[in-house]
C-alpha atoms as a PDB file:
ATOM      1  CA  MET A   1     -11.870 -28.011 -30.054  1.00  0.00           C
ATOM      2  CA  VAL A   2      -9.818 -29.766 -32.681  1.00  0.00           C
ATOM      3  CA  TRP A   3     -10.206 -33.522 -33.057  1.00  0.00           C
ATOM      4  CA  VAL A   4      -7.885 -35.891 -34.915  1.00  0.00           C
ATOM      5  CA  TYR A   5      -9.099 -39.101 -36.481  1.00  0.00           C
ATOM      6  CA  ASP A   6      -6.708 -42.069 -36.601  1.00  0.00           C
ATOM      7  CA  GLU A   7      -7.764 -44.294 -39.501  1.00  0.00           C
ATOM      8  CA  ARG A   8      -5.596 -47.224 -38.367  1.00  0.00           C
ATOM      9  CA  LYS A   9      -7.185 -47.341 -34.920  1.00  0.00           C
ATOM     10  CA  GLN A  10     -10.550 -46.058 -36.145  1.00  0.00           C
ATOM     11  CA  ASP A  11     -10.494 -43.706 -33.207  1.00  0.00           C
ATOM     12  CA  ARG A  12     -10.354 -39.976 -32.591  1.00  0.00           C
ATOM     13  CA  TRP A  13      -8.887 -37.809 -29.895  1.00  0.00           C
ATOM     14  CA  ARG A  14      -8.867 -34.151 -28.976  1.00  0.00           C
ATOM     15  CA  ILE A  15      -5.302 -33.054 -29.484  1.00  0.00           C
ATOM     16  CA  SER A  16      -3.849 -30.508 -27.064  1.00  0.00           C
ATOM     17  CA  HIS A  17      -1.125 -27.874 -26.967  1.00  0.00           C
ATOM     18  CA  ASP A  18       0.713 -29.966 -24.381  1.00  0.00           C
ATOM     19  CA  GLU A  19       0.597 -33.078 -26.545  1.00  0.00           C
ATOM     20  CA  ILE A  20       2.016 -31.191 -29.525  1.00  0.00           C
ATOM     21  CA  LYS A  21       4.647 -29.458 -27.419  1.00  0.00           C
ATOM     22  CA  GLU A  22       5.788 -32.804 -25.960  1.00  0.00           C
ATOM     23  CA  ASP A  23       5.907 -34.253 -29.455  1.00  0.00           C
ATOM     24  CA  VAL A  24       8.038 -31.365 -30.754  1.00  0.00           C
ATOM     25  CA  LEU A  25      10.362 -31.772 -27.759  1.00  0.00           C
ATOM     26  CA  LYS A  26      10.835 -35.477 -28.617  1.00  0.00           C
ATOM     27  CA  LYS A  27      11.632 -34.472 -32.170  1.00  0.00           C
ATOM     28  CA  LEU A  28      14.161 -31.865 -30.989  1.00  0.00           C
ATOM     29  CA  LYS A  29      15.891 -34.466 -28.827  1.00  0.00           C
ATOM     30  CA  ALA A  30      15.947 -37.039 -31.645  1.00  0.00           C
ATOM     31  CA  ASP A  31      17.208 -34.748 -34.409  1.00  0.00           C
ATOM     32  CA  PRO A  32      17.729 -31.093 -33.416  1.00  0.00           C
ATOM     33  CA  ARG A  33      18.454 -29.871 -36.940  1.00  0.00           C
ATOM     34  CA  LYS A  34      15.424 -31.465 -38.601  1.00  0.00           C
ATOM     35  CA  ALA A  35      13.090 -30.604 -35.736  1.00  0.00           C
ATOM     36  CA  SER A  36      14.297 -27.002 -35.715  1.00  0.00           C
ATOM     37  CA  ALA A  37      13.442 -26.775 -39.405  1.00  0.00           C
ATOM     38  CA  LEU A  38       9.980 -28.120 -38.584  1.00  0.00           C
ATOM     39  CA  VAL A  39       9.543 -25.383 -35.968  1.00  0.00           C
ATOM     40  CA  ASP A  40      10.468 -22.853 -38.666  1.00  0.00           C
ATOM     41  CA  ILE A  41       7.687 -24.229 -40.865  1.00  0.00           C
ATOM     42  CA  MET A  42       5.268 -24.165 -37.931  1.00  0.00           C
ATOM     43  CA  HIS A  43       6.184 -20.501 -37.552  1.00  0.00           C
ATOM     44  CA  ARG A  44       5.285 -19.912 -41.193  1.00  0.00           C
ATOM     45  CA  VAL A  45       1.875 -21.520 -40.641  1.00  0.00           C
ATOM     46  CA  CYS A  46       1.438 -19.404 -37.536  1.00  0.00           C
ATOM     47  CA  LYS A  47       1.987 -16.379 -39.760  1.00  0.00           C
ATOM     48  CA  SER A  48      -0.893 -17.630 -41.976  1.00  0.00           C
ATOM     49  CA  GLU A  49       0.828 -19.774 -44.592  1.00  0.00           C
ATOM     50  CA  GLU A  50      -1.415 -22.671 -45.636  1.00  0.00           C
ATOM     51  CA  PRO A  51      -0.236 -26.148 -44.541  1.00  0.00           C
ATOM     52  CA  SER A  52      -1.406 -27.618 -47.855  1.00  0.00           C
ATOM     53  CA  THR A  53       1.178 -25.482 -49.706  1.00  0.00           C
ATOM     54  CA  LEU A  54       3.959 -26.979 -47.540  1.00  0.00           C
ATOM     55  CA  LYS A  55       3.252 -30.649 -48.241  1.00  0.00           C
ATOM     56  CA  ARG A  56       6.442 -31.110 -50.299  1.00  0.00           C
ATOM     57  CA  GLU A  57       8.534 -29.606 -47.516  1.00  0.00           C
ATOM     58  CA  THR A  58       7.029 -31.791 -44.789  1.00  0.00           C
ATOM     59  CA  ALA A  59       8.216 -35.037 -46.417  1.00  0.00           C
ATOM     60  CA  ARG A  60      11.743 -34.418 -45.090  1.00  0.00           C
ATOM     61  CA  PHE A  61      10.450 -34.811 -41.534  1.00  0.00           C
ATOM     62  CA  ASP A  62       9.131 -38.346 -42.037  1.00  0.00           C
ATOM     63  CA  GLY A  63      12.001 -39.873 -40.027  1.00  0.00           C
ATOM     64  CA  LEU A  64      11.196 -37.899 -36.889  1.00  0.00           C
ATOM     65  CA  PRO A  65       9.390 -39.686 -34.040  1.00  0.00           C
ATOM     66  CA  GLY A  66       5.795 -39.042 -33.084  1.00  0.00           C
ATOM     67  CA  LEU A  67       3.119 -37.155 -34.957  1.00  0.00           C
ATOM     68  CA  SER A  68       3.600 -36.383 -38.626  1.00  0.00           C
ATOM     69  CA  ALA A  69       4.662 -32.879 -39.574  1.00  0.00           C
ATOM     70  CA  GLU A  70       1.641 -32.634 -41.850  1.00  0.00           C
ATOM     71  CA  LEU A  71      -0.704 -33.446 -38.964  1.00  0.00           C
ATOM     72  CA  ILE A  72       0.947 -30.901 -36.652  1.00  0.00           C
ATOM     73  CA  LEU A  73       0.688 -28.136 -39.235  1.00  0.00           C
ATOM     74  CA  LYS A  74      -2.928 -28.865 -40.131  1.00  0.00           C
ATOM     75  CA  VAL A  75      -4.004 -29.171 -36.509  1.00  0.00           C
ATOM     76  CA  TYR A  76      -2.249 -26.007 -35.450  1.00  0.00           C
ATOM     77  CA  LYS A  77      -3.785 -24.085 -38.333  1.00  0.00           C
ATOM     78  CA  TRP A  78      -7.196 -24.702 -36.754  1.00  0.00           C
ATOM     79  CA  ILE A  79      -6.054 -24.389 -33.140  1.00  0.00           C
ATOM     80  CA  TRP A  80      -4.445 -21.047 -33.923  1.00  0.00           C
ATOM     81  CA  THR A  81      -7.575 -19.864 -35.704  1.00  0.00           C
ATOM     82  CA  GLN A  82      -9.537 -20.790 -32.593  1.00  0.00           C
ATOM     83  CA  GLU A  83      -7.018 -18.995 -30.378  1.00  0.00           C
ATOM     84  CA  ASP A  84      -7.405 -15.860 -32.499  1.00  0.00           C
ATOM     85  CA  CYS A  85     -11.128 -15.946 -31.683  1.00  0.00           C
ATOM     86  CA  ASN A  86     -10.494 -16.597 -27.988  1.00  0.00           C
ATOM     87  CA  TYR A  87      -7.901 -13.810 -27.734  1.00  0.00           C
ATOM     88  CA  PRO A  88      -8.878 -11.186 -30.339  1.00  0.00           C
ATOM     89  CA  THR A  89      -6.133  -8.819 -29.184  1.00  0.00           C
ATOM     90  CA  GLY A  90      -3.734 -10.740 -31.454  1.00  0.00           C
ATOM     91  CA  GLU A  91      -1.844 -12.629 -28.765  1.00  0.00           C
ATOM     92  CA  GLY A  92      -3.773 -15.932 -29.065  1.00  0.00           C
ATOM     93  CA  ARG A  93      -1.763 -17.937 -31.563  1.00  0.00           C
ATOM     94  CA  TRP A  94       1.492 -16.426 -30.361  1.00  0.00           C
ATOM     95  CA  MET A  95       1.144 -17.787 -26.830  1.00  0.00           C
ATOM     96  CA  SER A  96       1.710 -21.347 -28.039  1.00  0.00           C
ATOM     97  CA  MET A  97       4.035 -20.488 -30.941  1.00  0.00           C
ATOM     98  CA  ASN A  98       6.302 -18.390 -28.738  1.00  0.00           C
ATOM     99  CA  GLY A  99       6.449 -21.254 -26.241  1.00  0.00           C
ATOM    100  CA  ILE A 100       7.594 -23.647 -28.972  1.00  0.00           C
ATOM    101  CA  LEU A 101      10.153 -21.150 -30.304  1.00  0.00           C
ATOM    102  CA  GLN A 102      11.489 -20.651 -26.794  1.00  0.00           C
ATOM    103  CA  MET A 103      11.684 -24.409 -26.201  1.00  0.00           C
ATOM    104  CA  ARG A 104      13.638 -24.835 -29.444  1.00  0.00           C
ATOM    105  CA  ASP A 105      16.017 -22.013 -28.554  1.00  0.00           C
ATOM    106  CA  GLU A 106      16.642 -23.496 -25.112  1.00  0.00           C
ATOM    107  CA  MET A 107      17.412 -26.879 -26.683  1.00  0.00           C
ATOM    108  CA  ARG A 108      19.902 -25.211 -29.043  1.00  0.00           C
ATOM    109  CA  HIS A 109      21.812 -23.687 -26.137  1.00  0.00           C
ATOM    110  CA  ARG A 110      22.229 -26.936 -24.203  1.00  0.00           C
END
């Protein structure tokens, strides 16, 4: 499980694939170009790039609605690591990443 702590609310919640996917969809609807670039960066993290090395690049997504790009990347780093343990055949992290890539591609063709 991956938990997120919200300092403003002094609360935490267990973030889910569905919550992130819905958030990315909102971003794609709000600004397809920016959100698509965020999905590209998510893909890089999925392929093992460290979110901390992408901090400068995530600043350009600050205007998008919902969760911060930095939060999404850091959370998915750990969720994908967990998925690799749950599905050691190598398909774990790609189940969610492929779903997000597909969602983005479908939005592009609308």
